[in-house]
Protein backbone atom coordinates (compact mmCIF):
# COMPACT_ATOMS: atom_id res chain seq x y z
CA MET A 1 77.59 104.04 113.97
CA ALA A 2 77.37 101.58 111.07
CA ARG A 3 75.94 98.17 111.82
CA GLU A 4 75.72 94.94 109.93
CA PRO A 5 72.43 94.31 108.15
CA GLY A 6 69.88 92.68 110.40
CA THR A 7 71.27 94.05 113.67
CA LEU A 8 69.25 97.24 113.82
CA ASP A 9 66.52 97.40 116.41
CA PRO A 10 64.03 99.95 115.04
CA SER A 11 61.53 99.25 117.83
CA GLY A 12 64.15 99.71 120.56
CA GLN A 13 62.81 96.61 122.30
CA ARG A 14 65.51 94.00 121.69
CA GLY A 15 67.16 94.49 125.08
CA ARG A 16 63.86 94.56 126.97
CA LEU A 17 62.76 91.37 125.21
CA LEU A 18 66.03 89.68 126.10
CA ASP A 19 65.59 90.68 129.75
CA GLU A 20 62.09 89.19 129.76
CA HIS A 21 63.34 86.01 128.09
CA LEU A 22 66.09 85.63 130.68
CA ASP A 23 63.59 86.08 133.50
CA ILE A 24 61.24 83.48 131.99
CA TRP A 25 64.08 81.03 131.34
CA ALA A 26 65.29 81.35 134.94
CA LYS A 27 61.79 80.45 136.10
CA ALA A 28 61.40 77.62 133.57
CA TRP A 29 64.63 75.97 134.66
CA GLY A 30 63.35 75.83 138.24
CA ALA A 31 60.35 74.04 139.68
CA SER A 32 57.17 73.67 137.60
CA PRO A 33 54.57 74.98 137.15
CA ILE A 34 55.59 78.57 136.46
CA SER A 35 53.64 81.75 135.91
CA HIS A 36 54.79 85.02 134.45
CA GLU A 37 53.37 88.45 133.76
CA SER A 38 55.33 91.14 131.96
CA GLU A 39 55.03 93.73 129.20
CA HIS A 40 55.27 91.17 126.40
CA TYR A 41 54.38 87.81 127.97
CA ALA A 42 51.75 86.53 130.35
CA PHE A 43 51.00 82.92 131.25
CA GLN A 44 49.86 80.88 134.25
CA ASP A 45 50.75 77.43 135.53
CA VAL A 46 52.98 76.29 132.67
CA HIS A 47 55.01 73.11 133.08
CA PHE A 48 58.50 72.96 131.59
CA GLU A 49 59.48 69.39 130.79
CA PRO A 50 61.85 67.71 130.59
CA GLU A 51 63.65 69.48 133.38
CA ALA A 52 66.91 71.23 132.63
CA PHE A 53 70.04 69.07 133.02
CA ARG A 54 71.36 71.51 135.65
CA PRO A 55 68.97 72.78 138.31
CA THR A 56 69.96 76.34 137.34
CA GLY A 57 69.56 75.65 133.62
CA PRO A 58 72.13 75.89 130.84
CA ARG A 59 75.29 77.89 131.38
CA LEU A 60 74.81 81.34 129.86
CA TRP A 61 77.74 83.34 128.49
CA PHE A 62 77.42 87.06 127.93
CA ALA A 63 79.67 89.04 125.65
CA GLY A 64 80.32 92.67 124.90
CA GLN A 65 83.08 95.06 123.98
CA ARG A 66 82.27 97.16 127.03
CA LEU A 67 81.43 95.79 130.44
CA GLY A 68 78.72 98.04 131.71
CA GLY A 69 75.00 98.67 131.69
CA PRO A 70 72.91 95.79 130.39
CA VAL A 71 75.82 93.37 129.80
CA LEU A 72 77.07 93.81 133.37
CA ARG A 73 73.56 93.55 134.84
CA ARG A 74 72.74 90.38 132.86
CA LEU A 75 76.10 88.79 133.63
CA VAL A 76 75.77 89.40 137.35
CA ARG A 77 72.19 88.16 137.53
CA TYR A 78 72.20 85.23 135.09
CA GLY A 79 75.71 84.71 133.78
CA HIS A 80 78.03 81.79 134.00
CA GLY A 81 80.59 83.19 131.60
CA PHE A 82 81.90 86.47 130.22
CA HIS A 83 83.52 86.94 126.81
CA PRO A 84 84.82 90.52 126.50
CA LEU A 85 85.37 90.29 122.70
CA GLY A 86 88.92 91.51 123.13
CA ARG A 87 91.15 92.37 126.05
CA PRO A 88 89.16 93.82 128.94
CA ALA A 89 90.56 96.91 130.59
CA PRO A 90 91.67 96.36 134.20
CA GLN A 91 88.86 98.71 135.29
CA ASP A 92 86.31 96.41 133.60
CA LEU A 93 87.53 93.47 135.68
CA ARG A 94 87.38 95.58 138.86
CA THR A 95 83.84 96.69 137.95
CA LEU A 96 82.80 93.09 137.39
CA GLY A 97 84.33 92.01 140.72
CA ALA A 98 82.56 94.78 142.63
CA ALA A 99 79.21 94.06 140.96
CA MET A 100 79.50 90.32 141.62
CA ALA A 101 80.39 90.98 145.28
CA ALA A 102 77.45 93.38 145.67
CA ALA A 103 75.16 90.62 144.36
CA GLY A 104 76.64 88.06 146.76
CA ARG A 105 78.45 86.22 143.97
CA ASP A 106 82.12 85.34 143.76
CA ILE A 107 84.15 86.85 140.91
CA ALA A 108 85.61 83.35 140.45
CA GLY A 109 82.09 82.11 139.62
CA PRO A 110 81.68 83.15 135.99
CA GLU A 111 83.89 81.46 133.45
CA MET A 112 86.15 84.02 131.85
CA ILE A 113 86.45 83.49 128.10
CA GLY A 114 89.50 85.03 126.53
CA GLY A 115 90.10 85.21 122.87
CA THR A 116 92.46 85.26 119.98
CA ARG A 117 92.07 86.77 116.58
CA ALA A 118 93.97 85.48 113.61
CA VAL A 119 94.63 88.30 111.17
CA PHE A 120 94.93 87.37 107.51
CA PRO A 121 96.74 90.15 105.61
CA GLY A 122 95.20 89.12 102.27
CA ASP A 123 92.98 86.62 100.54
CA HIS A 124 95.85 84.23 99.83
CA SER A 125 97.95 84.91 102.92
CA THR A 126 98.28 82.92 106.09
CA ALA A 127 97.83 84.30 109.57
CA ASP A 128 100.66 84.39 112.06
CA LEU A 129 99.61 81.81 114.65
CA GLY A 130 102.26 83.01 117.12
CA ALA A 131 100.91 86.55 117.03
CA ALA A 132 97.33 85.31 117.39
CA LEU A 133 98.23 83.30 120.49
CA ALA A 134 100.52 85.93 122.05
CA CYS A 135 97.80 87.28 124.34
CA ILE A 136 96.94 83.90 125.91
CA PRO A 137 99.55 84.09 128.74
CA GLU A 138 98.22 87.49 129.86
CA GLN A 139 94.66 86.18 129.77
CA LEU A 140 95.65 83.19 131.92
CA GLU A 141 97.23 85.57 134.45
CA GLN A 142 93.94 87.54 134.54
CA GLY A 143 92.00 84.37 135.39
CA PHE A 144 90.61 83.45 131.98
CA THR A 145 89.88 79.73 131.77
CA SER A 146 88.55 79.32 128.22
CA SER A 147 89.41 80.79 124.86
CA ALA A 148 87.51 81.54 121.68
CA SER A 149 89.05 82.20 118.30
CA SER A 150 87.86 84.51 115.55
CA PRO A 151 89.52 84.60 112.14
CA THR A 152 89.64 87.97 110.46
CA SER A 153 90.39 88.58 106.82
CA SER A 154 91.27 91.82 105.13
CA SER A 155 88.98 90.73 102.34
CA THR A 156 85.24 91.20 102.44
CA THR A 157 84.70 88.51 99.82
CA ARG A 158 85.98 85.37 101.52
CA ARG A 159 87.90 84.07 104.52
CA PRO A 160 90.85 81.73 104.15
CA SER A 161 90.34 78.17 105.32
CA ALA A 162 91.36 77.25 108.85
CA ARG A 163 94.03 74.99 107.34
CA SER A 164 95.80 78.00 105.83
CA ALA A 165 95.89 79.78 109.20
CA VAL A 166 98.84 77.74 110.48
CA ILE A 167 102.26 79.17 109.67
CA PRO A 168 105.49 77.17 109.86
CA GLN A 169 107.61 77.68 112.97
CA GLY A 170 110.16 80.47 112.58
CA SER A 171 108.05 82.59 110.23
CA ALA A 172 108.27 86.37 110.24
CA ALA A 173 106.20 88.39 112.70
CA SER A 174 102.65 89.29 111.82
CA PRO A 175 102.20 92.49 109.80
CA HIS A 176 99.31 93.28 112.20
CA PRO A 177 100.85 92.93 115.69
CA ALA A 178 98.05 94.81 117.44
CA GLY A 179 95.23 92.86 115.75
CA PRO A 180 94.95 89.64 117.71
CA CYS A 181 95.42 91.09 121.18
CA ALA A 182 93.89 94.54 120.83
CA ARG A 183 91.96 95.92 123.78
CA ALA A 184 88.21 96.00 123.45
């Protein structure tokens, strides 16, 4: 599978490091002093000041095109929000609900972040705002409470400005109807 430059993990440790970081952060956002011993980090009696604004620390959102494995585990243990990077399959939402219940957490607990994707058919074309927003009602019905937007251009050289993304009311339908609301 092709990846963008800089996203390869030749050591295979990126996920393990993230898990250790999350464990340390959870400790640091609690009472001080903290101690930790793991594969990559070891320290004793460290004070974390100033204290986190929230007793549980900052709200952490986790994202992924598939809800399983590490994303699901991290979301259930540490997460305050889930962004599926597309439309989650109904089975993904059932899996999340079951995992949250098994951990003693309410499925209503994590913020559900839906999304839109504006598709620009060319470098000098505008996106169809209506098509980009068409999936919002379904996301609201599924319990999503926030939304993120991601512009997509057919060009690899530049992205149109946000100002050019708005199309006058009554414009023709998007030439890419599946783009903004495609399932993950």
